[in-house]
């Protein structure tokens, strides 16, 4: 496959996750420290807790799908 090349794909699944922020009382609590005792910076949030609010799963494993250069357009 070519990096940056155009492809045709089919959406096979879509997932919506409600990422509404918590209540204002919970978000107004004490902010996390920005550095550890050793002085090393701490991440603002745990990357494992972040979720994409909307996710599409696609497939190119069918006839006519994949890199546009693979198929004759004429």
C-alpha atoms as a PDB file:
ATOM      1  CA  UNK A   1       0.000   0.000   0.000  1.00  0.00           C
ATOM      2  CA  UNK A   2       1.106   3.540  -0.661  1.00  0.00           C
ATOM      3  CA  UNK A   3       1.418   5.941   2.252  1.00  0.00           C
ATOM      4  CA  UNK A   4      -1.110   8.718   1.712  1.00  0.00           C
ATOM      5  CA  UNK A   5      -2.805   6.820  -1.135  1.00  0.00           C
ATOM      6  CA  UNK A   6      -6.585   6.929  -1.505  1.00  0.00           C
ATOM      7  CA  UNK A   7      -8.545   3.807  -0.620  1.00  0.00           C
ATOM      8  CA  UNK A   8     -12.110   2.584  -0.844  1.00  0.00           C
ATOM      9  CA  UNK A   9     -13.399   0.819   2.254  1.00  0.00           C
ATOM     10  CA  UNK A  10     -16.651  -0.451   3.722  1.00  0.00           C
ATOM     11  CA  UNK A  11     -17.767   0.413   7.241  1.00  0.00           C
ATOM     12  CA  UNK A  12     -18.457  -2.858   9.063  1.00  0.00           C
ATOM     13  CA  UNK A  13     -19.080  -1.534  12.575  1.00  0.00           C
ATOM     14  CA  UNK A  14     -19.586   1.706  14.445  1.00  0.00           C
ATOM     15  CA  UNK A  15     -19.292   2.282  18.177  1.00  0.00           C
ATOM     16  CA  UNK A  16     -20.444   5.289  20.204  1.00  0.00           C
ATOM     17  CA  UNK A  17     -19.128   5.763  23.748  1.00  0.00           C
ATOM     18  CA  UNK A  18     -20.637   8.475  25.936  1.00  0.00           C
ATOM     19  CA  UNK A  19     -17.677  10.593  27.046  1.00  0.00           C
ATOM     20  CA  UNK A  20     -19.709  13.221  28.846  1.00  0.00           C
ATOM     21  CA  UNK A  21     -17.555  14.860  31.523  1.00  0.00           C
ATOM     22  CA  UNK A  22     -18.304  14.129  35.160  1.00  0.00           C
ATOM     23  CA  UNK A  23     -20.256  16.539  37.320  1.00  0.00           C
ATOM     24  CA  UNK A  24     -18.714  19.951  38.098  1.00  0.00           C
ATOM     25  CA  UNK A  25     -18.269  18.968  41.766  1.00  0.00           C
ATOM     26  CA  UNK A  26     -16.024  16.075  40.772  1.00  0.00           C
ATOM     27  CA  UNK A  27     -14.000  18.100  38.272  1.00  0.00           C
ATOM     28  CA  UNK A  28     -13.458  20.949  40.792  1.00  0.00           C
ATOM     29  CA  UNK A  29     -11.565  18.707  43.193  1.00  0.00           C
ATOM     30  CA  UNK A  30      -7.855  19.197  43.849  1.00  0.00           C
ATOM     31  CA  UNK A  31      -5.850  19.025  40.596  1.00  0.00           C
ATOM     32  CA  UNK A  32      -3.245  16.262  40.283  1.00  0.00           C
ATOM     33  CA  UNK A  33       0.409  17.119  40.923  1.00  0.00           C
ATOM     34  CA  UNK A  34       2.410  18.081  37.836  1.00  0.00           C
ATOM     35  CA  UNK A  35       5.622  16.388  38.936  1.00  0.00           C
ATOM     36  CA  UNK A  36       6.658  13.465  41.085  1.00  0.00           C
ATOM     37  CA  UNK A  37       8.876  13.574  44.165  1.00  0.00           C
ATOM     38  CA  UNK A  38      11.867  12.912  41.896  1.00  0.00           C
ATOM     39  CA  UNK A  39      10.974  15.933  39.762  1.00  0.00           C
ATOM     40  CA  UNK A  40       9.884  13.887  36.743  1.00  0.00           C
ATOM     41  CA  UNK A  41       6.709  15.225  35.066  1.00  0.00           C
ATOM     42  CA  UNK A  42       3.540  13.205  35.582  1.00  0.00           C
ATOM     43  CA  UNK A  43       0.952  12.664  32.841  1.00  0.00           C
ATOM     44  CA  UNK A  44      -2.181  14.800  33.222  1.00  0.00           C
ATOM     45  CA  UNK A  45      -4.437  11.761  32.756  1.00  0.00           C
ATOM     46  CA  UNK A  46      -4.022   8.045  32.323  1.00  0.00           C
ATOM     47  CA  UNK A  47      -3.881   7.343  28.548  1.00  0.00           C
ATOM     48  CA  UNK A  48      -5.603   4.015  29.181  1.00  0.00           C
ATOM     49  CA  UNK A  49      -8.755   5.781  30.414  1.00  0.00           C
ATOM     50  CA  UNK A  50      -9.250   7.880  27.269  1.00  0.00           C
ATOM     51  CA  UNK A  51     -11.812   6.526  24.846  1.00  0.00           C
ATOM     52  CA  UNK A  52     -12.721   7.766  21.408  1.00  0.00           C
ATOM     53  CA  UNK A  53     -16.329   8.998  21.485  1.00  0.00           C
ATOM     54  CA  UNK A  54     -17.051   7.570  18.028  1.00  0.00           C
ATOM     55  CA  UNK A  55     -15.179   4.727  16.356  1.00  0.00           C
ATOM     56  CA  UNK A  56     -15.592   3.258  12.877  1.00  0.00           C
ATOM     57  CA  UNK A  57     -14.253  -0.157  11.900  1.00  0.00           C
ATOM     58  CA  UNK A  58     -13.654  -0.609   8.202  1.00  0.00           C
ATOM     59  CA  UNK A  59     -12.710  -3.386   5.805  1.00  0.00           C
ATOM     60  CA  UNK A  60     -10.995  -3.508   2.414  1.00  0.00           C
ATOM     61  CA  UNK A  61     -11.318  -7.273   1.993  1.00  0.00           C
ATOM     62  CA  UNK A  62     -13.984  -7.273  -0.729  1.00  0.00           C
ATOM     63  CA  UNK A  63     -13.982  -6.833  -4.506  1.00  0.00           C
ATOM     64  CA  UNK A  64     -13.572  -3.211  -5.554  1.00  0.00           C
ATOM     65  CA  UNK A  65     -12.208  -2.110  -2.177  1.00  0.00           C
ATOM     66  CA  UNK A  66      -8.659  -1.152  -1.276  1.00  0.00           C
ATOM     67  CA  UNK A  67      -6.190   1.127  -3.029  1.00  0.00           C
ATOM     68  CA  UNK A  68      -7.810   2.972  -5.915  1.00  0.00           C
ATOM     69  CA  UNK A  69      -4.725   2.176  -8.002  1.00  0.00           C
ATOM     70  CA  UNK A  70      -5.575  -1.554  -7.695  1.00  0.00           C
ATOM     71  CA  UNK A  71      -8.773  -1.198  -9.762  1.00  0.00           C
ATOM     72  CA  UNK A  72      -9.510   0.125 -13.252  1.00  0.00           C
ATOM     73  CA  UNK A  73     -11.753   3.162 -13.013  1.00  0.00           C
ATOM     74  CA  UNK A  74     -12.644   3.189 -16.700  1.00  0.00           C
END
